[in-house]
Amino acid sequence: QVQLVESGGGLVQAGGSLRLSCAASGRIFTFNSMAWYRQAPGKQRELVATITRGGGTDYADSVKGRFTISRDFAKNTVSLQMNSLKPEDTAVYYCNARLPLDAYWGQGTQVTVSS
């Protein structure tokens, strides 16, 4: 069983920045991948960014060039640096961990971007 705890959400003006962190109870270097998803009111949950065990990253087109996913094996954390935030980035952001046989989710952290 893996527990994921997100932090770093909040209210920010358009053009501002936030950094989300996800602390994992397990050793993240054993995970196949970790990712950030988001879900806005009335919309489906969408993939924002992924980082694989090998360090490869991938981003949704809507956040490319603005968001950066990174990890710290020593701290067992994955972070999402979000710059140039837009009102349409407003959502609950969820951390996700994929293991060989299971996937785990955090409880989510709210990000609100005001115009």
C-alpha atoms as a PDB file:
ATOM      1  CA  GLN A   1       0.000   0.000   0.000  1.00  0.00           C
ATOM      2  CA  VAL A   2       1.347   3.385  -1.033  1.00  0.00           C
ATOM      3  CA  GLN A   3       0.141   6.655   0.432  1.00  0.00           C
ATOM      4  CA  LEU A   4       0.487   9.889  -1.485  1.00  0.00           C
ATOM      5  CA  VAL A   5       0.066  13.299   0.116  1.00  0.00           C
ATOM      6  CA  GLU A   6      -0.088  16.435  -2.020  1.00  0.00           C
ATOM      7  CA  SER A   7       0.689  19.931  -0.841  1.00  0.00           C
ATOM      8  CA  GLY A   8       1.342  23.366  -2.272  1.00  0.00           C
ATOM      9  CA  GLY A   9      -2.000  24.282  -3.757  1.00  0.00           C
ATOM     10  CA  GLY A  10      -3.627  27.636  -3.230  1.00  0.00           C
ATOM     11  CA  LEU A  11      -4.942  30.820  -4.791  1.00  0.00           C
ATOM     12  CA  VAL A  12      -2.756  32.718  -7.240  1.00  0.00           C
ATOM     13  CA  GLN A  13      -3.281  35.463  -9.799  1.00  0.00           C
ATOM     14  CA  ALA A  14      -2.976  34.761 -13.499  1.00  0.00           C
ATOM     15  CA  GLY A  15       0.660  34.825 -14.551  1.00  0.00           C
ATOM     16  CA  GLY A  16       1.828  33.637 -11.167  1.00  0.00           C
ATOM     17  CA  SER A  17       3.516  30.431 -10.075  1.00  0.00           C
ATOM     18  CA  LEU A  18       2.898  27.571  -7.693  1.00  0.00           C
ATOM     19  CA  ARG A  19       4.866  24.478  -6.812  1.00  0.00           C
ATOM     20  CA  LEU A  20       3.010  21.306  -5.902  1.00  0.00           C
ATOM     21  CA  SER A  21       4.659  18.473  -4.024  1.00  0.00           C
ATOM     22  CA  CYS A  22       3.658  14.848  -3.573  1.00  0.00           C
ATOM     23  CA  ALA A  23       5.176  12.871  -0.736  1.00  0.00           C
ATOM     24  CA  ALA A  24       5.078   9.100  -1.149  1.00  0.00           C
ATOM     25  CA  SER A  25       5.224   6.517   1.612  1.00  0.00           C
ATOM     26  CA  GLY A  26       7.116   4.114  -0.630  1.00  0.00           C
ATOM     27  CA  ARG A  27      10.428   4.359  -2.445  1.00  0.00           C
ATOM     28  CA  ILE A  28       9.539   6.137  -5.652  1.00  0.00           C
ATOM     29  CA  PHE A  29      12.513   4.746  -7.565  1.00  0.00           C
ATOM     30  CA  THR A  30      10.652   1.419  -7.516  1.00  0.00           C
ATOM     31  CA  PHE A  31       7.565   2.908  -9.162  1.00  0.00           C
ATOM     32  CA  ASN A  32       6.998   2.528 -12.897  1.00  0.00           C
ATOM     33  CA  SER A  33       5.986   6.158 -13.141  1.00  0.00           C
ATOM     34  CA  MET A  34       4.477   9.056 -11.275  1.00  0.00           C
ATOM     35  CA  ALA A  35       2.163  11.662 -12.623  1.00  0.00           C
ATOM     36  CA  TRP A  36       0.039  14.682 -11.930  1.00  0.00           C
ATOM     37  CA  TYR A  37      -3.580  14.793 -13.017  1.00  0.00           C
ATOM     38  CA  ARG A  38      -6.157  17.517 -12.592  1.00  0.00           C
ATOM     39  CA  GLN A  39      -9.908  17.740 -12.551  1.00  0.00           C
ATOM     40  CA  ALA A  40     -11.838  20.948 -13.038  1.00  0.00           C
ATOM     41  CA  PRO A  41     -15.487  21.265 -11.982  1.00  0.00           C
ATOM     42  CA  GLY A  42     -17.749  19.477 -14.437  1.00  0.00           C
ATOM     43  CA  LYS A  43     -14.853  18.015 -16.383  1.00  0.00           C
ATOM     44  CA  GLN A  44     -13.103  14.686 -16.551  1.00  0.00           C
ATOM     45  CA  ARG A  45      -9.805  14.096 -14.830  1.00  0.00           C
ATOM     46  CA  GLU A  46      -6.954  14.747 -17.241  1.00  0.00           C
ATOM     47  CA  LEU A  47      -3.287  13.865 -17.318  1.00  0.00           C
ATOM     48  CA  VAL A  48      -1.038  16.882 -16.819  1.00  0.00           C
ATOM     49  CA  ALA A  49       2.497  15.503 -16.563  1.00  0.00           C
ATOM     50  CA  THR A  50       4.277  12.186 -16.199  1.00  0.00           C
ATOM     51  CA  ILE A  51       7.754  11.141 -15.155  1.00  0.00           C
ATOM     52  CA  THR A  52       8.910   7.572 -15.697  1.00  0.00           C
ATOM     53  CA  ARG A  53      11.306   5.497 -13.642  1.00  0.00           C
ATOM     54  CA  GLY A  54      13.974   6.275 -16.207  1.00  0.00           C
ATOM     55  CA  GLY A  55      13.386   9.987 -15.920  1.00  0.00           C
ATOM     56  CA  GLY A  56      11.454  10.530 -19.125  1.00  0.00           C
ATOM     57  CA  THR A  57       8.802  13.217 -18.956  1.00  0.00           C
ATOM     58  CA  ASP A  58       5.668  13.992 -20.895  1.00  0.00           C
ATOM     59  CA  TYR A  59       3.202  16.856 -20.690  1.00  0.00           C
ATOM     60  CA  ALA A  60      -0.265  17.731 -21.820  1.00  0.00           C
ATOM     61  CA  ASP A  61      -0.138  20.168 -24.714  1.00  0.00           C
ATOM     62  CA  SER A  62      -1.961  22.755 -22.628  1.00  0.00           C
ATOM     63  CA  VAL A  63       0.879  22.967 -20.081  1.00  0.00           C
ATOM     64  CA  LYS A  64       3.983  22.398 -22.211  1.00  0.00           C
ATOM     65  CA  GLY A  65       6.551  25.099 -21.640  1.00  0.00           C
ATOM     66  CA  ARG A  66       4.844  26.250 -18.438  1.00  0.00           C
ATOM     67  CA  PHE A  67       4.872  23.232 -16.117  1.00  0.00           C
ATOM     68  CA  THR A  68       7.817  21.063 -15.089  1.00  0.00           C
ATOM     69  CA  ILE A  69       7.627  17.728 -13.293  1.00  0.00           C
ATOM     70  CA  SER A  70      10.585  16.571 -11.232  1.00  0.00           C
ATOM     71  CA  ARG A  71      11.407  14.067  -8.529  1.00  0.00           C
ATOM     72  CA  ASP A  72      13.683  13.652  -5.527  1.00  0.00           C
ATOM     73  CA  PHE A  73      14.566  10.041  -4.758  1.00  0.00           C
ATOM     74  CA  ALA A  74      16.116  10.930  -1.410  1.00  0.00           C
ATOM     75  CA  LYS A  75      12.925  12.620  -0.222  1.00  0.00           C
ATOM     76  CA  ASN A  76      10.533  10.300  -2.078  1.00  0.00           C
ATOM     77  CA  THR A  77       8.758  13.302  -3.554  1.00  0.00           C
ATOM     78  CA  VAL A  78       7.528  14.367  -6.945  1.00  0.00           C
ATOM     79  CA  SER A  79       6.936  18.019  -7.676  1.00  0.00           C
ATOM     80  CA  LEU A  80       5.126  20.056 -10.272  1.00  0.00           C
ATOM     81  CA  GLN A  81       6.428  23.549 -10.885  1.00  0.00           C
ATOM     82  CA  MET A  82       3.682  25.594 -12.492  1.00  0.00           C
ATOM     83  CA  ASN A  83       4.559  28.929 -14.091  1.00  0.00           C
ATOM     84  CA  SER A  84       2.559  31.437 -16.100  1.00  0.00           C
ATOM     85  CA  LEU A  85      -0.628  30.103 -14.599  1.00  0.00           C
ATOM     86  CA  LYS A  86      -3.910  30.737 -16.359  1.00  0.00           C
ATOM     87  CA  PRO A  87      -7.487  30.729 -15.041  1.00  0.00           C
ATOM     88  CA  GLU A  88      -8.093  27.553 -17.037  1.00  0.00           C
ATOM     89  CA  ASP A  89      -5.477  25.808 -14.886  1.00  0.00           C
ATOM     90  CA  THR A  90      -7.926  26.000 -11.972  1.00  0.00           C
ATOM     91  CA  ALA A  91      -8.610  22.466 -10.779  1.00  0.00           C
ATOM     92  CA  VAL A  92      -7.967  19.918  -8.097  1.00  0.00           C
ATOM     93  CA  TYR A  93      -4.552  18.417  -8.781  1.00  0.00           C
ATOM     94  CA  TYR A  94      -3.919  14.776  -7.959  1.00  0.00           C
ATOM     95  CA  CYS A  95      -0.705  12.837  -7.591  1.00  0.00           C
ATOM     96  CA  ASN A  96      -0.631   9.365  -9.108  1.00  0.00           C
ATOM     97  CA  ALA A  97       1.827   6.504  -8.705  1.00  0.00           C
ATOM     98  CA  ARG A  98       1.921   3.480 -10.988  1.00  0.00           C
ATOM     99  CA  LEU A  99       3.453   0.268  -9.733  1.00  0.00           C
ATOM    100  CA  PRO A 100       3.694  -3.005 -11.650  1.00  0.00           C
ATOM    101  CA  LEU A 101       0.368  -4.268 -10.323  1.00  0.00           C
ATOM    102  CA  ASP A 102      -1.353  -1.253  -8.773  1.00  0.00           C
ATOM    103  CA  ALA A 103      -1.971   2.436  -9.100  1.00  0.00           C
ATOM    104  CA  TYR A 104      -2.428   4.871  -6.230  1.00  0.00           C
ATOM    105  CA  TRP A 105      -3.888   8.354  -5.860  1.00  0.00           C
ATOM    106  CA  GLY A 106      -3.468  11.183  -3.444  1.00  0.00           C
ATOM    107  CA  GLN A 107      -6.374  13.120  -1.986  1.00  0.00           C
ATOM    108  CA  GLY A 108      -5.809  16.131  -4.218  1.00  0.00           C
ATOM    109  CA  THR A 109      -4.897  19.760  -3.701  1.00  0.00           C
ATOM    110  CA  GLN A 110      -6.889  22.729  -4.961  1.00  0.00           C
ATOM    111  CA  VAL A 111      -5.297  25.218  -7.334  1.00  0.00           C
ATOM    112  CA  THR A 112      -7.282  28.355  -8.109  1.00  0.00           C
ATOM    113  CA  VAL A 113      -6.038  30.934 -10.597  1.00  0.00           C
ATOM    114  CA  SER A 114      -7.822  34.267 -10.586  1.00  0.00           C
ATOM    115  CA  SER A 115      -8.016  36.494 -13.636  1.00  0.00           C
END
